Amino acid sequence: MNKSLLAAGSSFTEITYLGHATLLIEMDGVRLLTDPVLQNRILHLNRLRGEIDPQNIEDIDAVLISHAHWDHLDIGSLNLLDPDTLFIVPHGVDKILRKNKFHNIQVLSPCESTTVGGVSITATQADHDGARYRYFGDELAVGYLIDGLSTIYFAGDTDIYPEMVDMEGKVDVALLPVWGWGPTLGGGHLDPAGAAAAASMIQPKVVIPIHWGTYFPLGLQWFMRDVLIQPPITFKREAAKLAPDVNVIILPPGESLLLDGGP
C-alpha cells in the first residue's frame, strides 16, 4: 500500500521501506537501494516482517552501503542483485566487496560526491563504529545525502553529531534510525528520543523512521514483541515535542511513500 503526499499531475519521488535499513529510492529515473539485507536469516537474526518483492530489487542503478556491520552489509543479499550493479561505499567496505568478487565499486569519504544518472550522492559523517570486526577493522561508517528532484538524507547507523545542523532546512525526507535488531542498543545508535533530537536539528519536511521491526534474535520475539513495533511510535511522540513542524510517516516494511517533487 502506498502513502502519498503527491499533488495531482506533479513529478514525484517514491521511497519504499523494505525493512531494517533497506530502502528503495526511485527519483529522476534512478533506482537506488540502501544497505540491502534481503535474506530471511542473517547470522542469529530472523526476518519477522516485510517479505521482499523481487521487483523491488530489479534494475537497480546503484547500491548505497553505509558501513560493514553484518545487518547492513550482507554478502548473500548482494548476490541476489545484478553482479554489474554499482556499489557506493565508504573506505574499507570496498576491500570486503572485492574479496567477494564484486567489481563495480566507488568509494566516498564524508563530503565527497558522485552522480548516478541525474542524481547527486554525497557521503556524510556518521558517529558510528563501522568496522566489520570490532577492534580489527578499518571500515568507516557514513550516511548519504541524495539530491535530485527531492533531497533525501539516509543516515545509515549513527548517533547525533553536531554537523547535523548543517542540513537544517535542506532536506525533504530524512530516513532516521530509531532502534536496531534486539532488546537493547549499543553506542553509536539513535533511539526514539535521540532520533527526535536529530529531527529537530535537521528540520526535514518528512521523517521516515527506519532500522526497526524487521529482524530479531531467534525466539526473543515471543517475549519482547513490543520492541518490534513500539520504537517508531515512541519516536513520533517525541518528535511532536521537539520538532512539531516535521511530518513523521511510519511505513511498515513493504510500504511506500510518494513524495511531491514538482511545483
Protein backbone atom coordinates (compact mmCIF):
# COMPACT_ATOMS: atom_id res chain seq x y z
CA MET A 1 0.00 0.00 0.00
CA ASN A 2 1.27 3.48 -0.88
CA LYS A 3 1.00 6.53 1.31
CA SER A 4 1.05 9.73 -0.69
CA LEU A 5 1.97 13.39 -0.35
CA LEU A 6 1.52 13.71 -4.10
CA ALA A 7 -0.17 16.57 -5.89
CA ALA A 8 -2.14 15.62 -8.99
CA GLY A 9 -0.06 15.80 -12.15
CA SER A 10 3.23 16.56 -10.42
CA SER A 11 6.61 14.86 -10.61
CA PHE A 12 7.41 12.63 -7.67
CA THR A 13 9.90 10.63 -5.67
CA GLU A 14 8.94 7.19 -4.34
CA ILE A 15 10.51 5.64 -1.24
CA THR A 16 9.76 2.03 -0.33
CA TYR A 17 10.76 0.77 3.10
CA LEU A 18 11.87 -2.83 2.61
CA GLY A 19 12.81 -3.29 6.27
CA HIS A 20 15.68 -2.58 8.68
CA ALA A 21 17.92 -0.07 6.83
CA THR A 22 16.96 -1.27 3.34
CA LEU A 23 15.00 1.18 1.20
CA LEU A 24 14.29 1.51 -2.49
CA ILE A 25 14.52 5.15 -3.57
CA GLU A 26 13.19 5.98 -7.04
CA MET A 27 13.89 9.50 -8.26
CA ASP A 28 14.64 11.14 -11.62
CA GLY A 29 14.52 7.75 -13.33
CA VAL A 30 17.16 6.34 -10.97
CA ARG A 31 16.63 3.35 -8.66
CA LEU A 32 18.80 3.29 -5.54
CA LEU A 33 18.91 0.58 -2.88
CA THR A 34 20.30 1.25 0.60
CA ASP A 35 22.06 -1.32 2.81
CA PRO A 36 20.41 -4.36 1.19
CA VAL A 37 19.66 -7.04 3.77
CA LEU A 38 17.17 -9.25 1.99
CA GLN A 39 17.52 -12.77 3.37
CA ASN A 40 15.26 -14.36 5.95
CA ARG A 41 18.18 -15.26 8.20
CA ILE A 42 21.27 -13.13 8.97
CA LEU A 43 23.57 -14.84 11.49
CA HIS A 44 21.39 -15.21 14.63
CA LEU A 45 18.67 -12.86 13.36
CA ASN A 46 15.37 -13.91 11.80
CA ARG A 47 13.39 -11.71 9.46
CA LEU A 48 9.96 -11.37 11.04
CA ARG A 49 8.25 -8.78 8.82
CA GLY A 50 8.35 -7.47 5.28
CA GLU A 51 8.65 -10.16 2.62
CA ILE A 52 10.76 -8.83 -0.27
CA ASP A 53 9.01 -8.27 -3.60
CA PRO A 54 11.54 -9.32 -6.28
CA GLN A 55 10.52 -6.33 -8.41
CA ASN A 56 11.91 -4.02 -5.74
CA ILE A 57 15.45 -5.30 -6.26
CA GLU A 58 15.45 -5.42 -10.07
CA ASP A 59 17.12 -2.85 -12.37
CA ILE A 60 18.98 -1.16 -9.52
CA ASP A 61 21.25 1.65 -10.71
CA ALA A 62 23.32 1.87 -7.52
CA VAL A 63 23.54 0.37 -4.05
CA LEU A 64 24.48 2.67 -1.16
CA ILE A 65 26.21 0.89 1.71
CA SER A 66 26.65 2.85 4.93
CA HIS A 67 29.05 0.54 6.78
CA ALA A 68 30.26 -3.03 7.16
CA HIS A 69 28.20 -4.39 10.05
CA TRP A 70 26.51 -7.68 9.19
CA ASP A 71 23.00 -6.22 9.37
CA HIS A 72 23.94 -3.59 6.76
CA LEU A 73 26.41 -5.48 4.56
CA ASP A 74 25.17 -8.99 3.84
CA ILE A 75 27.02 -10.69 1.01
CA GLY A 76 24.27 -13.27 0.47
CA SER A 77 21.82 -10.45 -0.13
CA LEU A 78 24.18 -8.66 -2.52
CA ASN A 79 24.49 -11.86 -4.51
CA LEU A 80 20.78 -11.56 -5.31
CA LEU A 81 21.49 -8.39 -7.30
CA ASP A 82 22.90 -7.96 -10.79
CA PRO A 83 26.67 -8.52 -10.44
CA ASP A 84 27.38 -5.40 -12.52
CA THR A 85 25.46 -3.12 -10.13
CA LEU A 86 27.36 -0.05 -8.94
CA PHE A 87 28.20 -0.11 -5.22
CA ILE A 88 28.85 3.22 -3.49
CA VAL A 89 30.64 2.56 -0.21
CA PRO A 90 32.83 4.14 2.48
CA HIS A 91 36.53 3.42 2.92
CA GLY A 92 37.27 -0.19 3.81
CA VAL A 93 33.99 -1.67 2.59
CA ASP A 94 35.45 -1.81 -0.93
CA LYS A 95 38.01 -4.39 0.22
CA ILE A 96 35.25 -6.68 1.53
CA LEU A 97 33.33 -6.40 -1.74
CA ARG A 98 36.38 -7.11 -3.90
CA LYS A 99 37.17 -10.22 -1.85
CA ASN A 100 33.67 -11.39 -2.71
CA LYS A 101 34.12 -10.78 -6.47
CA PHE A 102 32.19 -7.51 -6.78
CA HIS A 103 33.96 -5.13 -9.14
CA ASN A 104 31.87 -2.01 -9.88
CA ILE A 105 32.71 -0.03 -6.74
CA GLN A 106 33.05 3.67 -5.93
CA VAL A 107 34.45 4.78 -2.59
CA LEU A 108 33.25 8.01 -0.99
CA SER A 109 34.58 9.71 2.12
CA PRO A 110 32.42 12.24 4.00
CA CYS A 111 31.77 15.36 1.87
CA GLU A 112 32.74 13.55 -1.36
CA SER A 113 30.11 13.24 -4.09
CA THR A 114 29.27 11.30 -7.21
CA THR A 115 26.35 11.21 -9.62
CA VAL A 116 24.09 8.40 -10.77
CA GLY A 117 22.00 9.49 -13.71
CA GLY A 118 20.78 12.94 -12.75
CA VAL A 119 21.01 12.28 -9.01
CA SER A 120 23.85 13.60 -6.83
CA ILE A 121 25.01 11.40 -3.94
CA THR A 122 27.18 12.86 -1.18
CA ALA A 123 28.60 10.88 1.72
CA THR A 124 28.01 12.44 5.13
CA GLN A 125 29.54 11.97 8.53
CA ALA A 126 28.22 9.23 10.83
CA ASP A 127 29.01 8.79 14.53
CA HIS A 128 29.25 5.00 14.48
CA ASP A 129 31.96 2.36 14.61
CA GLY A 130 31.56 0.78 11.20
CA ALA A 131 34.20 -1.96 11.46
CA ARG A 132 33.16 -5.44 10.35
CA TYR A 133 35.13 -6.98 13.22
CA ARG A 134 35.39 -4.88 16.38
CA TYR A 135 38.94 -3.70 17.16
CA PHE A 136 40.34 -5.23 13.96
CA GLY A 137 38.71 -3.44 11.00
CA ASP A 138 39.30 -0.03 9.45
CA GLU A 139 35.94 0.25 7.68
CA LEU A 140 34.28 3.64 8.07
CA ALA A 141 30.59 4.45 8.54
CA VAL A 142 28.84 7.17 6.55
CA GLY A 143 25.38 8.41 5.71
CA TYR A 144 24.28 9.77 2.35
CA LEU A 145 22.58 12.89 1.02
CA ILE A 146 20.70 12.02 -2.16
CA ASP A 147 19.85 15.13 -4.19
CA GLY A 148 17.68 15.32 -7.28
CA LEU A 149 14.01 16.07 -7.63
CA SER A 150 13.96 15.77 -3.83
CA THR A 151 16.71 15.81 -1.20
CA ILE A 152 16.85 12.71 0.98
CA TYR A 153 19.14 12.04 3.94
CA PHE A 154 19.83 8.37 4.61
CA ALA A 155 21.55 8.23 7.99
CA GLY A 156 22.65 4.58 7.99
CA ASP A 157 23.65 3.97 11.61
CA THR A 158 24.69 6.98 13.65
CA ASP A 159 24.38 8.84 16.89
CA ILE A 160 23.76 12.58 16.90
CA TYR A 161 26.71 14.62 15.65
CA PRO A 162 26.99 18.43 15.71
CA GLU A 163 27.21 18.84 11.93
CA MET A 164 23.63 17.63 11.56
CA VAL A 165 22.63 21.28 11.93
CA ASP A 166 24.33 22.00 8.60
CA MET A 167 21.44 20.16 6.92
CA GLU A 168 18.80 22.32 8.62
CA GLY A 169 16.04 23.19 6.19
CA LYS A 170 17.80 21.50 3.24
CA VAL A 171 16.28 18.01 3.48
CA ASP A 172 12.89 16.93 2.16
CA VAL A 173 12.93 13.42 3.69
CA ALA A 174 15.18 12.17 6.49
CA LEU A 175 15.47 8.40 6.88
CA LEU A 176 16.41 8.17 10.54
CA PRO A 177 17.14 5.00 12.53
CA VAL A 178 15.06 4.72 15.69
CA TRP A 179 16.16 1.34 17.05
CA GLY A 180 18.01 -1.80 15.94
CA TRP A 181 17.52 -5.56 15.90
CA GLY A 182 17.40 -6.52 19.57
CA PRO A 183 16.11 -5.58 23.02
CA THR A 184 18.91 -3.05 23.68
CA LEU A 185 21.05 -0.58 21.73
CA GLY A 186 24.80 -0.10 21.92
CA GLY A 187 26.65 3.16 21.42
CA GLY A 188 26.59 4.94 18.10
CA HIS A 189 22.85 4.48 17.55
CA LEU A 190 19.76 6.66 17.69
CA ASP A 191 16.92 5.59 19.95
CA PRO A 192 13.50 7.26 19.59
CA ALA A 193 14.44 10.26 21.76
CA GLY A 194 17.78 10.67 20.00
CA ALA A 195 16.16 10.46 16.58
CA ALA A 196 13.66 13.13 17.63
CA ALA A 197 16.54 15.38 18.68
CA ALA A 198 18.20 14.73 15.29
CA ALA A 199 14.96 15.68 13.54
CA SER A 200 14.87 18.93 15.49
CA MET A 201 18.40 19.72 14.27
CA ILE A 202 17.82 18.80 10.62
CA GLN A 203 14.23 20.10 10.33
CA PRO A 204 13.31 17.99 7.28
CA LYS A 205 9.84 18.19 5.83
CA VAL A 206 9.28 14.47 6.45
CA VAL A 207 10.93 11.80 8.59
CA ILE A 208 10.51 8.11 7.89
CA PRO A 209 11.76 6.07 10.88
CA ILE A 210 13.91 3.10 9.83
CA HIS A 211 16.01 0.36 11.45
CA TRP A 212 13.16 -1.20 13.41
CA GLY A 213 10.68 -4.04 13.36
CA THR A 214 12.31 -6.37 10.82
CA TYR A 215 15.00 -8.61 12.34
CA PHE A 216 15.14 -10.02 15.86
CA PRO A 217 17.18 -12.72 17.62
CA LEU A 218 15.73 -16.18 17.26
CA GLY A 219 12.96 -16.84 19.78
CA LEU A 220 13.04 -13.48 21.58
CA GLN A 221 10.10 -12.08 19.60
CA TRP A 222 7.74 -14.15 21.76
CA PHE A 223 8.91 -12.38 24.94
CA MET A 224 9.72 -8.86 23.71
CA ARG A 225 7.27 -8.23 20.89
CA ASP A 226 6.83 -4.56 21.85
CA VAL A 227 10.41 -3.90 20.73
CA LEU A 228 9.36 -4.83 17.20
CA ILE A 229 6.53 -2.29 16.98
CA GLN A 230 6.95 0.40 19.65
CA PRO A 231 10.12 2.38 18.64
CA PRO A 232 8.63 4.35 15.69
CA ILE A 233 5.50 5.11 17.72
CA THR A 234 7.63 6.43 20.59
CA PHE A 235 9.73 8.39 18.11
CA LYS A 236 6.65 10.04 16.60
CA ARG A 237 5.50 11.09 20.06
CA GLU A 238 8.94 12.51 20.95
CA ALA A 239 9.28 14.26 17.59
CA ALA A 240 5.94 16.01 18.15
CA LYS A 241 7.55 17.65 21.20
CA LEU A 242 10.98 18.50 19.78
CA ALA A 243 10.22 19.02 16.08
CA PRO A 244 6.49 19.77 15.79
CA ASP A 245 6.77 21.06 12.22
CA VAL A 246 8.23 17.77 10.96
CA ASN A 247 5.80 15.30 9.40
CA VAL A 248 6.55 11.79 10.72
CA ILE A 249 5.32 9.00 8.46
CA ILE A 250 5.66 5.44 9.77
CA LEU A 251 5.99 2.97 6.91
CA PRO A 252 5.64 -0.68 7.87
CA PRO A 253 8.09 -2.87 5.95
CA GLY A 254 6.92 -3.20 2.35
CA GLU A 255 5.01 0.09 2.18
CA SER A 256 5.87 3.14 0.06
CA LEU A 257 5.66 6.91 0.20
CA LEU A 258 5.04 9.05 -2.86
CA LEU A 259 6.54 12.48 -2.32
CA ASP A 260 5.50 15.51 -4.33
CA GLY A 261 8.58 16.89 -6.06
CA GLY A 262 7.02 19.27 -8.53
CA PRO A 263 5.79 22.85 -8.40
